[in-house]
Amino acid sequence: RAVGAQFGGMLMRPLGLRANYGVRG
C-alpha cells in the first residue's frame, strides 16, 4: 500500500490536420 507525491508531463506534436503524437511520463 504505497502513497506519495509525483510529478510529470506530456509533450505533443501535430501529425496532420486531425492527428497528433507525443510522449508522457
PDBML (XML) file of the C-alpha atoms, coordinates in Angstrom:
<?xml version="1.0" encoding="UTF-8" ?>
<PDBx:datablock datablockName="MODEL"
   xmlns:PDBx="http://pdbml.pdb.org/schema/pdbx-v50.xsd"
   xmlns:xsi="http://www.w3.org/2001/XMLSchema-instance"
   xsi:schemaLocation="http://pdbml.pdb.org/schema/pdbx-v50.xsd pdbx-v50.xsd">
   <PDBx:atom_siteCategory>
      <PDBx:atom_site id="1">
         <PDBx:B_iso_or_equiv>0.00</PDBx:B_iso_or_equiv>
         <PDBx:Cartn_x>0.000</PDBx:Cartn_x>
         <PDBx:Cartn_y>0.000</PDBx:Cartn_y>
         <PDBx:Cartn_z>0.000</PDBx:Cartn_z>
         <PDBx:auth_asym_id>A</PDBx:auth_asym_id>
         <PDBx:auth_atom_id>CA</PDBx:auth_atom_id>
         <PDBx:auth_comp_id>ARG</PDBx:auth_comp_id>
         <PDBx:auth_seq_id>1</PDBx:auth_seq_id>
         <PDBx:group_PDB>ATOM</PDBx:group_PDB>
         <PDBx:label_alt_id xsi:nil="true" />
         <PDBx:label_asym_id>A</PDBx:label_asym_id>
         <PDBx:label_atom_id>CA</PDBx:label_atom_id>
         <PDBx:label_comp_id>ARG</PDBx:label_comp_id>
         <PDBx:label_entity_id>1</PDBx:label_entity_id>
         <PDBx:label_seq_id>1</PDBx:label_seq_id>
         <PDBx:occupancy>1.00</PDBx:occupancy>
         <PDBx:pdbx_PDB_model_num>1</PDBx:pdbx_PDB_model_num>
         <PDBx:type_symbol>C</PDBx:type_symbol>
      </PDBx:atom_site>
      <PDBx:atom_site id="2">
         <PDBx:B_iso_or_equiv>0.00</PDBx:B_iso_or_equiv>
         <PDBx:Cartn_x>2.089</PDBx:Cartn_x>
         <PDBx:Cartn_y>2.897</PDBx:Cartn_y>
         <PDBx:Cartn_z>-1.322</PDBx:Cartn_z>
         <PDBx:auth_asym_id>A</PDBx:auth_asym_id>
         <PDBx:auth_atom_id>CA</PDBx:auth_atom_id>
         <PDBx:auth_comp_id>ALA</PDBx:auth_comp_id>
         <PDBx:auth_seq_id>2</PDBx:auth_seq_id>
         <PDBx:group_PDB>ATOM</PDBx:group_PDB>
         <PDBx:label_alt_id xsi:nil="true" />
         <PDBx:label_asym_id>A</PDBx:label_asym_id>
         <PDBx:label_atom_id>CA</PDBx:label_atom_id>
         <PDBx:label_comp_id>ALA</PDBx:label_comp_id>
         <PDBx:label_entity_id>1</PDBx:label_entity_id>
         <PDBx:label_seq_id>2</PDBx:label_seq_id>
         <PDBx:occupancy>1.00</PDBx:occupancy>
         <PDBx:pdbx_PDB_model_num>1</PDBx:pdbx_PDB_model_num>
         <PDBx:type_symbol>C</PDBx:type_symbol>
      </PDBx:atom_site>
      <PDBx:atom_site id="3">
         <PDBx:B_iso_or_equiv>0.00</PDBx:B_iso_or_equiv>
         <PDBx:Cartn_x>1.244</PDBx:Cartn_x>
         <PDBx:Cartn_y>6.607</PDBx:Cartn_y>
         <PDBx:Cartn_z>-1.274</PDBx:Cartn_z>
         <PDBx:auth_asym_id>A</PDBx:auth_asym_id>
         <PDBx:auth_atom_id>CA</PDBx:auth_atom_id>
         <PDBx:auth_comp_id>VAL</PDBx:auth_comp_id>
         <PDBx:auth_seq_id>3</PDBx:auth_seq_id>
         <PDBx:group_PDB>ATOM</PDBx:group_PDB>
         <PDBx:label_alt_id xsi:nil="true" />
         <PDBx:label_asym_id>A</PDBx:label_asym_id>
         <PDBx:label_atom_id>CA</PDBx:label_atom_id>
         <PDBx:label_comp_id>VAL</PDBx:label_comp_id>
         <PDBx:label_entity_id>1</PDBx:label_entity_id>
         <PDBx:label_seq_id>3</PDBx:label_seq_id>
         <PDBx:occupancy>1.00</PDBx:occupancy>
         <PDBx:pdbx_PDB_model_num>1</PDBx:pdbx_PDB_model_num>
         <PDBx:type_symbol>C</PDBx:type_symbol>
      </PDBx:atom_site>
      <PDBx:atom_site id="4">
         <PDBx:B_iso_or_equiv>0.00</PDBx:B_iso_or_equiv>
         <PDBx:Cartn_x>3.263</PDBx:Cartn_x>
         <PDBx:Cartn_y>9.694</PDBx:Cartn_y>
         <PDBx:Cartn_z>-2.119</PDBx:Cartn_z>
         <PDBx:auth_asym_id>A</PDBx:auth_asym_id>
         <PDBx:auth_atom_id>CA</PDBx:auth_atom_id>
         <PDBx:auth_comp_id>GLY</PDBx:auth_comp_id>
         <PDBx:auth_seq_id>4</PDBx:auth_seq_id>
         <PDBx:group_PDB>ATOM</PDBx:group_PDB>
         <PDBx:label_alt_id xsi:nil="true" />
         <PDBx:label_asym_id>A</PDBx:label_asym_id>
         <PDBx:label_atom_id>CA</PDBx:label_atom_id>
         <PDBx:label_comp_id>GLY</PDBx:label_comp_id>
         <PDBx:label_entity_id>1</PDBx:label_entity_id>
         <PDBx:label_seq_id>4</PDBx:label_seq_id>
         <PDBx:occupancy>1.00</PDBx:occupancy>
         <PDBx:pdbx_PDB_model_num>1</PDBx:pdbx_PDB_model_num>
         <PDBx:type_symbol>C</PDBx:type_symbol>
      </PDBx:atom_site>
      <PDBx:atom_site id="5">
         <PDBx:B_iso_or_equiv>0.00</PDBx:B_iso_or_equiv>
         <PDBx:Cartn_x>3.959</PDBx:Cartn_x>
         <PDBx:Cartn_y>12.611</PDBx:Cartn_y>
         <PDBx:Cartn_z>-4.434</PDBx:Cartn_z>
         <PDBx:auth_asym_id>A</PDBx:auth_asym_id>
         <PDBx:auth_atom_id>CA</PDBx:auth_atom_id>
         <PDBx:auth_comp_id>ALA</PDBx:auth_comp_id>
         <PDBx:auth_seq_id>5</PDBx:auth_seq_id>
         <PDBx:group_PDB>ATOM</PDBx:group_PDB>
         <PDBx:label_alt_id xsi:nil="true" />
         <PDBx:label_asym_id>A</PDBx:label_asym_id>
         <PDBx:label_atom_id>CA</PDBx:label_atom_id>
         <PDBx:label_comp_id>ALA</PDBx:label_comp_id>
         <PDBx:label_entity_id>1</PDBx:label_entity_id>
         <PDBx:label_seq_id>5</PDBx:label_seq_id>
         <PDBx:occupancy>1.00</PDBx:occupancy>
         <PDBx:pdbx_PDB_model_num>1</PDBx:pdbx_PDB_model_num>
         <PDBx:type_symbol>C</PDBx:type_symbol>
      </PDBx:atom_site>
      <PDBx:atom_site id="6">
         <PDBx:B_iso_or_equiv>0.00</PDBx:B_iso_or_equiv>
         <PDBx:Cartn_x>4.562</PDBx:Cartn_x>
         <PDBx:Cartn_y>12.509</PDBx:Cartn_y>
         <PDBx:Cartn_z>-8.165</PDBx:Cartn_z>
         <PDBx:auth_asym_id>A</PDBx:auth_asym_id>
         <PDBx:auth_atom_id>CA</PDBx:auth_atom_id>
         <PDBx:auth_comp_id>GLN</PDBx:auth_comp_id>
         <PDBx:auth_seq_id>6</PDBx:auth_seq_id>
         <PDBx:group_PDB>ATOM</PDBx:group_PDB>
         <PDBx:label_alt_id xsi:nil="true" />
         <PDBx:label_asym_id>A</PDBx:label_asym_id>
         <PDBx:label_atom_id>CA</PDBx:label_atom_id>
         <PDBx:label_comp_id>GLN</PDBx:label_comp_id>
         <PDBx:label_entity_id>1</PDBx:label_entity_id>
         <PDBx:label_seq_id>6</PDBx:label_seq_id>
         <PDBx:occupancy>1.00</PDBx:occupancy>
         <PDBx:pdbx_PDB_model_num>1</PDBx:pdbx_PDB_model_num>
         <PDBx:type_symbol>C</PDBx:type_symbol>
      </PDBx:atom_site>
      <PDBx:atom_site id="7">
         <PDBx:B_iso_or_equiv>0.00</PDBx:B_iso_or_equiv>
         <PDBx:Cartn_x>5.257</PDBx:Cartn_x>
         <PDBx:Cartn_y>14.920</PDBx:Cartn_y>
         <PDBx:Cartn_z>-10.993</PDBx:Cartn_z>
         <PDBx:auth_asym_id>A</PDBx:auth_asym_id>
         <PDBx:auth_atom_id>CA</PDBx:auth_atom_id>
         <PDBx:auth_comp_id>PHE</PDBx:auth_comp_id>
         <PDBx:auth_seq_id>7</PDBx:auth_seq_id>
         <PDBx:group_PDB>ATOM</PDBx:group_PDB>
         <PDBx:label_alt_id xsi:nil="true" />
         <PDBx:label_asym_id>A</PDBx:label_asym_id>
         <PDBx:label_atom_id>CA</PDBx:label_atom_id>
         <PDBx:label_comp_id>PHE</PDBx:label_comp_id>
         <PDBx:label_entity_id>1</PDBx:label_entity_id>
         <PDBx:label_seq_id>7</PDBx:label_seq_id>
         <PDBx:occupancy>1.00</PDBx:occupancy>
         <PDBx:pdbx_PDB_model_num>1</PDBx:pdbx_PDB_model_num>
         <PDBx:type_symbol>C</PDBx:type_symbol>
      </PDBx:atom_site>
      <PDBx:atom_site id="8">
         <PDBx:B_iso_or_equiv>0.00</PDBx:B_iso_or_equiv>
         <PDBx:Cartn_x>5.207</PDBx:Cartn_x>
         <PDBx:Cartn_y>14.505</PDBx:Cartn_y>
         <PDBx:Cartn_z>-14.734</PDBx:Cartn_z>
         <PDBx:auth_asym_id>A</PDBx:auth_asym_id>
         <PDBx:auth_atom_id>CA</PDBx:auth_atom_id>
         <PDBx:auth_comp_id>GLY</PDBx:auth_comp_id>
         <PDBx:auth_seq_id>8</PDBx:auth_seq_id>
         <PDBx:group_PDB>ATOM</PDBx:group_PDB>
         <PDBx:label_alt_id xsi:nil="true" />
         <PDBx:label_asym_id>A</PDBx:label_asym_id>
         <PDBx:label_atom_id>CA</PDBx:label_atom_id>
         <PDBx:label_comp_id>GLY</PDBx:label_comp_id>
         <PDBx:label_entity_id>1</PDBx:label_entity_id>
         <PDBx:label_seq_id>8</PDBx:label_seq_id>
         <PDBx:occupancy>1.00</PDBx:occupancy>
         <PDBx:pdbx_PDB_model_num>1</PDBx:pdbx_PDB_model_num>
         <PDBx:type_symbol>C</PDBx:type_symbol>
      </PDBx:atom_site>
      <PDBx:atom_site id="9">
         <PDBx:B_iso_or_equiv>0.00</PDBx:B_iso_or_equiv>
         <PDBx:Cartn_x>4.221</PDBx:Cartn_x>
         <PDBx:Cartn_y>15.889</PDBx:Cartn_y>
         <PDBx:Cartn_z>-18.056</PDBx:Cartn_z>
         <PDBx:auth_asym_id>A</PDBx:auth_asym_id>
         <PDBx:auth_atom_id>CA</PDBx:auth_atom_id>
         <PDBx:auth_comp_id>GLY</PDBx:auth_comp_id>
         <PDBx:auth_seq_id>9</PDBx:auth_seq_id>
         <PDBx:group_PDB>ATOM</PDBx:group_PDB>
         <PDBx:label_alt_id xsi:nil="true" />
         <PDBx:label_asym_id>A</PDBx:label_asym_id>
         <PDBx:label_atom_id>CA</PDBx:label_atom_id>
         <PDBx:label_comp_id>GLY</PDBx:label_comp_id>
         <PDBx:label_entity_id>1</PDBx:label_entity_id>
         <PDBx:label_seq_id>9</PDBx:label_seq_id>
         <PDBx:occupancy>1.00</PDBx:occupancy>
         <PDBx:pdbx_PDB_model_num>1</PDBx:pdbx_PDB_model_num>
         <PDBx:type_symbol>C</PDBx:type_symbol>
      </PDBx:atom_site>
      <PDBx:atom_site id="10">
         <PDBx:B_iso_or_equiv>0.00</PDBx:B_iso_or_equiv>
         <PDBx:Cartn_x>3.173</PDBx:Cartn_x>
         <PDBx:Cartn_y>15.369</PDBx:Cartn_y>
         <PDBx:Cartn_z>-21.645</PDBx:Cartn_z>
         <PDBx:auth_asym_id>A</PDBx:auth_asym_id>
         <PDBx:auth_atom_id>CA</PDBx:auth_atom_id>
         <PDBx:auth_comp_id>MET</PDBx:auth_comp_id>
         <PDBx:auth_seq_id>10</PDBx:auth_seq_id>
         <PDBx:group_PDB>ATOM</PDBx:group_PDB>
         <PDBx:label_alt_id xsi:nil="true" />
         <PDBx:label_asym_id>A</PDBx:label_asym_id>
         <PDBx:label_atom_id>CA</PDBx:label_atom_id>
         <PDBx:label_comp_id>MET</PDBx:label_comp_id>
         <PDBx:label_entity_id>1</PDBx:label_entity_id>
         <PDBx:label_seq_id>10</PDBx:label_seq_id>
         <PDBx:occupancy>1.00</PDBx:occupancy>
         <PDBx:pdbx_PDB_model_num>1</PDBx:pdbx_PDB_model_num>
         <PDBx:type_symbol>C</PDBx:type_symbol>
      </PDBx:atom_site>
      <PDBx:atom_site id="11">
         <PDBx:B_iso_or_equiv>0.00</PDBx:B_iso_or_equiv>
         <PDBx:Cartn_x>4.618</PDBx:Cartn_x>
         <PDBx:Cartn_y>16.737</PDBx:Cartn_y>
         <PDBx:Cartn_z>-24.900</PDBx:Cartn_z>
         <PDBx:auth_asym_id>A</PDBx:auth_asym_id>
         <PDBx:auth_atom_id>CA</PDBx:auth_atom_id>
         <PDBx:auth_comp_id>LEU</PDBx:auth_comp_id>
         <PDBx:auth_seq_id>11</PDBx:auth_seq_id>
         <PDBx:group_PDB>ATOM</PDBx:group_PDB>
         <PDBx:label_alt_id xsi:nil="true" />
         <PDBx:label_asym_id>A</PDBx:label_asym_id>
         <PDBx:label_atom_id>CA</PDBx:label_atom_id>
         <PDBx:label_comp_id>LEU</PDBx:label_comp_id>
         <PDBx:label_entity_id>1</PDBx:label_entity_id>
         <PDBx:label_seq_id>11</PDBx:label_seq_id>
         <PDBx:occupancy>1.00</PDBx:occupancy>
         <PDBx:pdbx_PDB_model_num>1</PDBx:pdbx_PDB_model_num>
         <PDBx:type_symbol>C</PDBx:type_symbol>
      </PDBx:atom_site>
      <PDBx:atom_site id="12">
         <PDBx:B_iso_or_equiv>0.00</PDBx:B_iso_or_equiv>
         <PDBx:Cartn_x>2.611</PDBx:Cartn_x>
         <PDBx:Cartn_y>16.644</PDBx:Cartn_y>
         <PDBx:Cartn_z>-28.141</PDBx:Cartn_z>
         <PDBx:auth_asym_id>A</PDBx:auth_asym_id>
         <PDBx:auth_atom_id>CA</PDBx:auth_atom_id>
         <PDBx:auth_comp_id>MET</PDBx:auth_comp_id>
         <PDBx:auth_seq_id>12</PDBx:auth_seq_id>
         <PDBx:group_PDB>ATOM</PDBx:group_PDB>
         <PDBx:label_alt_id xsi:nil="true" />
         <PDBx:label_asym_id>A</PDBx:label_asym_id>
         <PDBx:label_atom_id>CA</PDBx:label_atom_id>
         <PDBx:label_comp_id>MET</PDBx:label_comp_id>
         <PDBx:label_entity_id>1</PDBx:label_entity_id>
         <PDBx:label_seq_id>12</PDBx:label_seq_id>
         <PDBx:occupancy>1.00</PDBx:occupancy>
         <PDBx:pdbx_PDB_model_num>1</PDBx:pdbx_PDB_model_num>
         <PDBx:type_symbol>C</PDBx:type_symbol>
      </PDBx:atom_site>
      <PDBx:atom_site id="13">
         <PDBx:B_iso_or_equiv>0.00</PDBx:B_iso_or_equiv>
         <PDBx:Cartn_x>3.287</PDBx:Cartn_x>
         <PDBx:Cartn_y>17.353</PDBx:Cartn_y>
         <PDBx:Cartn_z>-31.806</PDBx:Cartn_z>
         <PDBx:auth_asym_id>A</PDBx:auth_asym_id>
         <PDBx:auth_atom_id>CA</PDBx:auth_atom_id>
         <PDBx:auth_comp_id>ARG</PDBx:auth_comp_id>
         <PDBx:auth_seq_id>13</PDBx:auth_seq_id>
         <PDBx:group_PDB>ATOM</PDBx:group_PDB>
         <PDBx:label_alt_id xsi:nil="true" />
         <PDBx:label_asym_id>A</PDBx:label_asym_id>
         <PDBx:label_atom_id>CA</PDBx:label_atom_id>
         <PDBx:label_comp_id>ARG</PDBx:label_comp_id>
         <PDBx:label_entity_id>1</PDBx:label_entity_id>
         <PDBx:label_seq_id>13</PDBx:label_seq_id>
         <PDBx:occupancy>1.00</PDBx:occupancy>
         <PDBx:pdbx_PDB_model_num>1</PDBx:pdbx_PDB_model_num>
         <PDBx:type_symbol>C</PDBx:type_symbol>
      </PDBx:atom_site>
      <PDBx:atom_site id="14">
         <PDBx:B_iso_or_equiv>0.00</PDBx:B_iso_or_equiv>
         <PDBx:Cartn_x>0.881</PDBx:Cartn_x>
         <PDBx:Cartn_y>17.576</PDBx:Cartn_y>
         <PDBx:Cartn_z>-34.779</PDBx:Cartn_z>
         <PDBx:auth_asym_id>A</PDBx:auth_asym_id>
         <PDBx:auth_atom_id>CA</PDBx:auth_atom_id>
         <PDBx:auth_comp_id>PRO</PDBx:auth_comp_id>
         <PDBx:auth_seq_id>14</PDBx:auth_seq_id>
         <PDBx:group_PDB>ATOM</PDBx:group_PDB>
         <PDBx:label_alt_id xsi:nil="true" />
         <PDBx:label_asym_id>A</PDBx:label_asym_id>
         <PDBx:label_atom_id>CA</PDBx:label_atom_id>
         <PDBx:label_comp_id>PRO</PDBx:label_comp_id>
         <PDBx:label_entity_id>1</PDBx:label_entity_id>
         <PDBx:label_seq_id>14</PDBx:label_seq_id>
         <PDBx:occupancy>1.00</PDBx:occupancy>
         <PDBx:pdbx_PDB_model_num>1</PDBx:pdbx_PDB_model_num>
         <PDBx:type_symbol>C</PDBx:type_symbol>
      </PDBx:atom_site>
      <PDBx:atom_site id="15">
         <PDBx:B_iso_or_equiv>0.00</PDBx:B_iso_or_equiv>
         <PDBx:Cartn_x>0.953</PDBx:Cartn_x>
         <PDBx:Cartn_y>14.656</PDBx:Cartn_y>
         <PDBx:Cartn_z>-37.202</PDBx:Cartn_z>
         <PDBx:auth_asym_id>A</PDBx:auth_asym_id>
         <PDBx:auth_atom_id>CA</PDBx:auth_atom_id>
         <PDBx:auth_comp_id>LEU</PDBx:auth_comp_id>
         <PDBx:auth_seq_id>15</PDBx:auth_seq_id>
         <PDBx:group_PDB>ATOM</PDBx:group_PDB>
         <PDBx:label_alt_id xsi:nil="true" />
         <PDBx:label_asym_id>A</PDBx:label_asym_id>
         <PDBx:label_atom_id>CA</PDBx:label_atom_id>
         <PDBx:label_comp_id>LEU</PDBx:label_comp_id>
         <PDBx:label_entity_id>1</PDBx:label_entity_id>
         <PDBx:label_seq_id>15</PDBx:label_seq_id>
         <PDBx:occupancy>1.00</PDBx:occupancy>
         <PDBx:pdbx_PDB_model_num>1</PDBx:pdbx_PDB_model_num>
         <PDBx:type_symbol>C</PDBx:type_symbol>
      </PDBx:atom_site>
      <PDBx:atom_site id="16">
         <PDBx:B_iso_or_equiv>0.00</PDBx:B_iso_or_equiv>
         <PDBx:Cartn_x>-1.623</PDBx:Cartn_x>
         <PDBx:Cartn_y>16.033</PDBx:Cartn_y>
         <PDBx:Cartn_z>-39.608</PDBx:Cartn_z>
         <PDBx:auth_asym_id>A</PDBx:auth_asym_id>
         <PDBx:auth_atom_id>CA</PDBx:auth_atom_id>
         <PDBx:auth_comp_id>GLY</PDBx:auth_comp_id>
         <PDBx:auth_seq_id>16</PDBx:auth_seq_id>
         <PDBx:group_PDB>ATOM</PDBx:group_PDB>
         <PDBx:label_alt_id xsi:nil="true" />
         <PDBx:label_asym_id>A</PDBx:label_asym_id>
         <PDBx:label_atom_id>CA</PDBx:label_atom_id>
         <PDBx:label_comp_id>GLY</PDBx:label_comp_id>
         <PDBx:label_entity_id>1</PDBx:label_entity_id>
         <PDBx:label_seq_id>16</PDBx:label_seq_id>
         <PDBx:occupancy>1.00</PDBx:occupancy>
         <PDBx:pdbx_PDB_model_num>1</PDBx:pdbx_PDB_model_num>
         <PDBx:type_symbol>C</PDBx:type_symbol>
      </PDBx:atom_site>
      <PDBx:atom_site id="17">
         <PDBx:B_iso_or_equiv>0.00</PDBx:B_iso_or_equiv>
         <PDBx:Cartn_x>-4.777</PDBx:Cartn_x>
         <PDBx:Cartn_y>18.117</PDBx:Cartn_y>
         <PDBx:Cartn_z>-39.713</PDBx:Cartn_z>
         <PDBx:auth_asym_id>A</PDBx:auth_asym_id>
         <PDBx:auth_atom_id>CA</PDBx:auth_atom_id>
         <PDBx:auth_comp_id>LEU</PDBx:auth_comp_id>
         <PDBx:auth_seq_id>17</PDBx:auth_seq_id>
         <PDBx:group_PDB>ATOM</PDBx:group_PDB>
         <PDBx:label_alt_id xsi:nil="true" />
         <PDBx:label_asym_id>A</PDBx:label_asym_id>
         <PDBx:label_atom_id>CA</PDBx:label_atom_id>
         <PDBx:label_comp_id>LEU</PDBx:label_comp_id>
         <PDBx:label_entity_id>1</PDBx:label_entity_id>
         <PDBx:label_seq_id>17</PDBx:label_seq_id>
         <PDBx:occupancy>1.00</PDBx:occupancy>
         <PDBx:pdbx_PDB_model_num>1</PDBx:pdbx_PDB_model_num>
         <PDBx:type_symbol>C</PDBx:type_symbol>
      </PDBx:atom_site>
      <PDBx:atom_site id="18">
         <PDBx:B_iso_or_equiv>0.00</PDBx:B_iso_or_equiv>
         <PDBx:Cartn_x>-6.577</PDBx:Cartn_x>
         <PDBx:Cartn_y>15.799</PDBx:Cartn_y>
         <PDBx:Cartn_z>-37.303</PDBx:Cartn_z>
         <PDBx:auth_asym_id>A</PDBx:auth_asym_id>
         <PDBx:auth_atom_id>CA</PDBx:auth_atom_id>
         <PDBx:auth_comp_id>ARG</PDBx:auth_comp_id>
         <PDBx:auth_seq_id>18</PDBx:auth_seq_id>
         <PDBx:group_PDB>ATOM</PDBx:group_PDB>
         <PDBx:label_alt_id xsi:nil="true" />
         <PDBx:label_asym_id>A</PDBx:label_asym_id>
         <PDBx:label_atom_id>CA</PDBx:label_atom_id>
         <PDBx:label_comp_id>ARG</PDBx:label_comp_id>
         <PDBx:label_entity_id>1</PDBx:label_entity_id>
         <PDBx:label_seq_id>18</PDBx:label_seq_id>
         <PDBx:occupancy>1.00</PDBx:occupancy>
         <PDBx:pdbx_PDB_model_num>1</PDBx:pdbx_PDB_model_num>
         <PDBx:type_symbol>C</PDBx:type_symbol>
      </PDBx:atom_site>
      <PDBx:atom_site id="19">
         <PDBx:B_iso_or_equiv>0.00</PDBx:B_iso_or_equiv>
         <PDBx:Cartn_x>-3.814</PDBx:Cartn_x>
         <PDBx:Cartn_y>13.641</PDBx:Cartn_y>
         <PDBx:Cartn_z>-35.785</PDBx:Cartn_z>
         <PDBx:auth_asym_id>A</PDBx:auth_asym_id>
         <PDBx:auth_atom_id>CA</PDBx:auth_atom_id>
         <PDBx:auth_comp_id>ALA</PDBx:auth_comp_id>
         <PDBx:auth_seq_id>19</PDBx:auth_seq_id>
         <PDBx:group_PDB>ATOM</PDBx:group_PDB>
         <PDBx:label_alt_id xsi:nil="true" />
         <PDBx:label_asym_id>A</PDBx:label_asym_id>
         <PDBx:label_atom_id>CA</PDBx:label_atom_id>
         <PDBx:label_comp_id>ALA</PDBx:label_comp_id>
         <PDBx:label_entity_id>1</PDBx:label_entity_id>
         <PDBx:label_seq_id>19</PDBx:label_seq_id>
         <PDBx:occupancy>1.00</PDBx:occupancy>
         <PDBx:pdbx_PDB_model_num>1</PDBx:pdbx_PDB_model_num>
         <PDBx:type_symbol>C</PDBx:type_symbol>
      </PDBx:atom_site>
      <PDBx:atom_site id="20">
         <PDBx:B_iso_or_equiv>0.00</PDBx:B_iso_or_equiv>
         <PDBx:Cartn_x>-1.196</PDBx:Cartn_x>
         <PDBx:Cartn_y>14.135</PDBx:Cartn_y>
         <PDBx:Cartn_z>-33.055</PDBx:Cartn_z>
         <PDBx:auth_asym_id>A</PDBx:auth_asym_id>
         <PDBx:auth_atom_id>CA</PDBx:auth_atom_id>
         <PDBx:auth_comp_id>ASN</PDBx:auth_comp_id>
         <PDBx:auth_seq_id>20</PDBx:auth_seq_id>
         <PDBx:group_PDB>ATOM</PDBx:group_PDB>
         <PDBx:label_alt_id xsi:nil="true" />
         <PDBx:label_asym_id>A</PDBx:label_asym_id>
         <PDBx:label_atom_id>CA</PDBx:label_atom_id>
         <PDBx:label_comp_id>ASN</PDBx:label_comp_id>
         <PDBx:label_entity_id>1</PDBx:label_entity_id>
         <PDBx:label_seq_id>20</PDBx:label_seq_id>
         <PDBx:occupancy>1.00</PDBx:occupancy>
         <PDBx:pdbx_PDB_model_num>1</PDBx:pdbx_PDB_model_num>
         <PDBx:type_symbol>C</PDBx:type_symbol>
      </PDBx:atom_site>
      <PDBx:atom_site id="21">
         <PDBx:B_iso_or_equiv>0.00</PDBx:B_iso_or_equiv>
         <PDBx:Cartn_x>1.552</PDBx:Cartn_x>
         <PDBx:Cartn_y>12.121</PDBx:Cartn_y>
         <PDBx:Cartn_z>-31.410</PDBx:Cartn_z>
         <PDBx:auth_asym_id>A</PDBx:auth_asym_id>
         <PDBx:auth_atom_id>CA</PDBx:auth_atom_id>
         <PDBx:auth_comp_id>TYR</PDBx:auth_comp_id>
         <PDBx:auth_seq_id>21</PDBx:auth_seq_id>
         <PDBx:group_PDB>ATOM</PDBx:group_PDB>
         <PDBx:label_alt_id xsi:nil="true" />
         <PDBx:label_asym_id>A</PDBx:label_asym_id>
         <PDBx:label_atom_id>CA</PDBx:label_atom_id>
         <PDBx:label_comp_id>TYR</PDBx:label_comp_id>
         <PDBx:label_entity_id>1</PDBx:label_entity_id>
         <PDBx:label_seq_id>21</PDBx:label_seq_id>
         <PDBx:occupancy>1.00</PDBx:occupancy>
         <PDBx:pdbx_PDB_model_num>1</PDBx:pdbx_PDB_model_num>
         <PDBx:type_symbol>C</PDBx:type_symbol>
      </PDBx:atom_site>
      <PDBx:atom_site id="22">
         <PDBx:B_iso_or_equiv>0.00</PDBx:B_iso_or_equiv>
         <PDBx:Cartn_x>3.568</PDBx:Cartn_x>
         <PDBx:Cartn_y>12.579</PDBx:Cartn_y>
         <PDBx:Cartn_z>-28.260</PDBx:Cartn_z>
         <PDBx:auth_asym_id>A</PDBx:auth_asym_id>
         <PDBx:auth_atom_id>CA</PDBx:auth_atom_id>
         <PDBx:auth_comp_id>GLY</PDBx:auth_comp_id>
         <PDBx:auth_seq_id>22</PDBx:auth_seq_id>
         <PDBx:group_PDB>ATOM</PDBx:group_PDB>
         <PDBx:label_alt_id xsi:nil="true" />
         <PDBx:label_asym_id>A</PDBx:label_asym_id>
         <PDBx:label_atom_id>CA</PDBx:label_atom_id>
         <PDBx:label_comp_id>GLY</PDBx:label_comp_id>
         <PDBx:label_entity_id>1</PDBx:label_entity_id>
         <PDBx:label_seq_id>22</PDBx:label_seq_id>
         <PDBx:occupancy>1.00</PDBx:occupancy>
         <PDBx:pdbx_PDB_model_num>1</PDBx:pdbx_PDB_model_num>
         <PDBx:type_symbol>C</PDBx:type_symbol>
      </PDBx:atom_site>
      <PDBx:atom_site id="23">
         <PDBx:B_iso_or_equiv>0.00</PDBx:B_iso_or_equiv>
         <PDBx:Cartn_x>5.189</PDBx:Cartn_x>
         <PDBx:Cartn_y>11.231</PDBx:Cartn_y>
         <PDBx:Cartn_z>-25.119</PDBx:Cartn_z>
         <PDBx:auth_asym_id>A</PDBx:auth_asym_id>
         <PDBx:auth_atom_id>CA</PDBx:auth_atom_id>
         <PDBx:auth_comp_id>VAL</PDBx:auth_comp_id>
         <PDBx:auth_seq_id>23</PDBx:auth_seq_id>
         <PDBx:group_PDB>ATOM</PDBx:group_PDB>
         <PDBx:label_alt_id xsi:nil="true" />
         <PDBx:label_asym_id>A</PDBx:label_asym_id>
         <PDBx:label_atom_id>CA</PDBx:label_atom_id>
         <PDBx:label_comp_id>VAL</PDBx:label_comp_id>
         <PDBx:label_entity_id>1</PDBx:label_entity_id>
         <PDBx:label_seq_id>23</PDBx:label_seq_id>
         <PDBx:occupancy>1.00</PDBx:occupancy>
         <PDBx:pdbx_PDB_model_num>1</PDBx:pdbx_PDB_model_num>
         <PDBx:type_symbol>C</PDBx:type_symbol>
      </PDBx:atom_site>
      <PDBx:atom_site id="24">
         <PDBx:B_iso_or_equiv>0.00</PDBx:B_iso_or_equiv>
         <PDBx:Cartn_x>4.103</PDBx:Cartn_x>
         <PDBx:Cartn_y>11.342</PDBx:Cartn_y>
         <PDBx:Cartn_z>-21.492</PDBx:Cartn_z>
         <PDBx:auth_asym_id>A</PDBx:auth_asym_id>
         <PDBx:auth_atom_id>CA</PDBx:auth_atom_id>
         <PDBx:auth_comp_id>ARG</PDBx:auth_comp_id>
         <PDBx:auth_seq_id>24</PDBx:auth_seq_id>
         <PDBx:group_PDB>ATOM</PDBx:group_PDB>
         <PDBx:label_alt_id xsi:nil="true" />
         <PDBx:label_asym_id>A</PDBx:label_asym_id>
         <PDBx:label_atom_id>CA</PDBx:label_atom_id>
         <PDBx:label_comp_id>ARG</PDBx:label_comp_id>
         <PDBx:label_entity_id>1</PDBx:label_entity_id>
         <PDBx:label_seq_id>24</PDBx:label_seq_id>
         <PDBx:occupancy>1.00</PDBx:occupancy>
         <PDBx:pdbx_PDB_model_num>1</PDBx:pdbx_PDB_model_num>
         <PDBx:type_symbol>C</PDBx:type_symbol>
      </PDBx:atom_site>
      <PDBx:atom_site id="25">
         <PDBx:B_iso_or_equiv>0.00</PDBx:B_iso_or_equiv>
         <PDBx:Cartn_x>5.650</PDBx:Cartn_x>
         <PDBx:Cartn_y>10.335</PDBx:Cartn_y>
         <PDBx:Cartn_z>-18.197</PDBx:Cartn_z>
         <PDBx:auth_asym_id>A</PDBx:auth_asym_id>
         <PDBx:auth_atom_id>CA</PDBx:auth_atom_id>
         <PDBx:auth_comp_id>GLY</PDBx:auth_comp_id>
         <PDBx:auth_seq_id>25</PDBx:auth_seq_id>
         <PDBx:group_PDB>ATOM</PDBx:group_PDB>
         <PDBx:label_alt_id xsi:nil="true" />
         <PDBx:label_asym_id>A</PDBx:label_asym_id>
         <PDBx:label_atom_id>CA</PDBx:label_atom_id>
         <PDBx:label_comp_id>GLY</PDBx:label_comp_id>
         <PDBx:label_entity_id>1</PDBx:label_entity_id>
         <PDBx:label_seq_id>25</PDBx:label_seq_id>
         <PDBx:occupancy>1.00</PDBx:occupancy>
         <PDBx:pdbx_PDB_model_num>1</PDBx:pdbx_PDB_model_num>
         <PDBx:type_symbol>C</PDBx:type_symbol>
      </PDBx:atom_site>
   </PDBx:atom_siteCategory>
</PDBx:datablock>
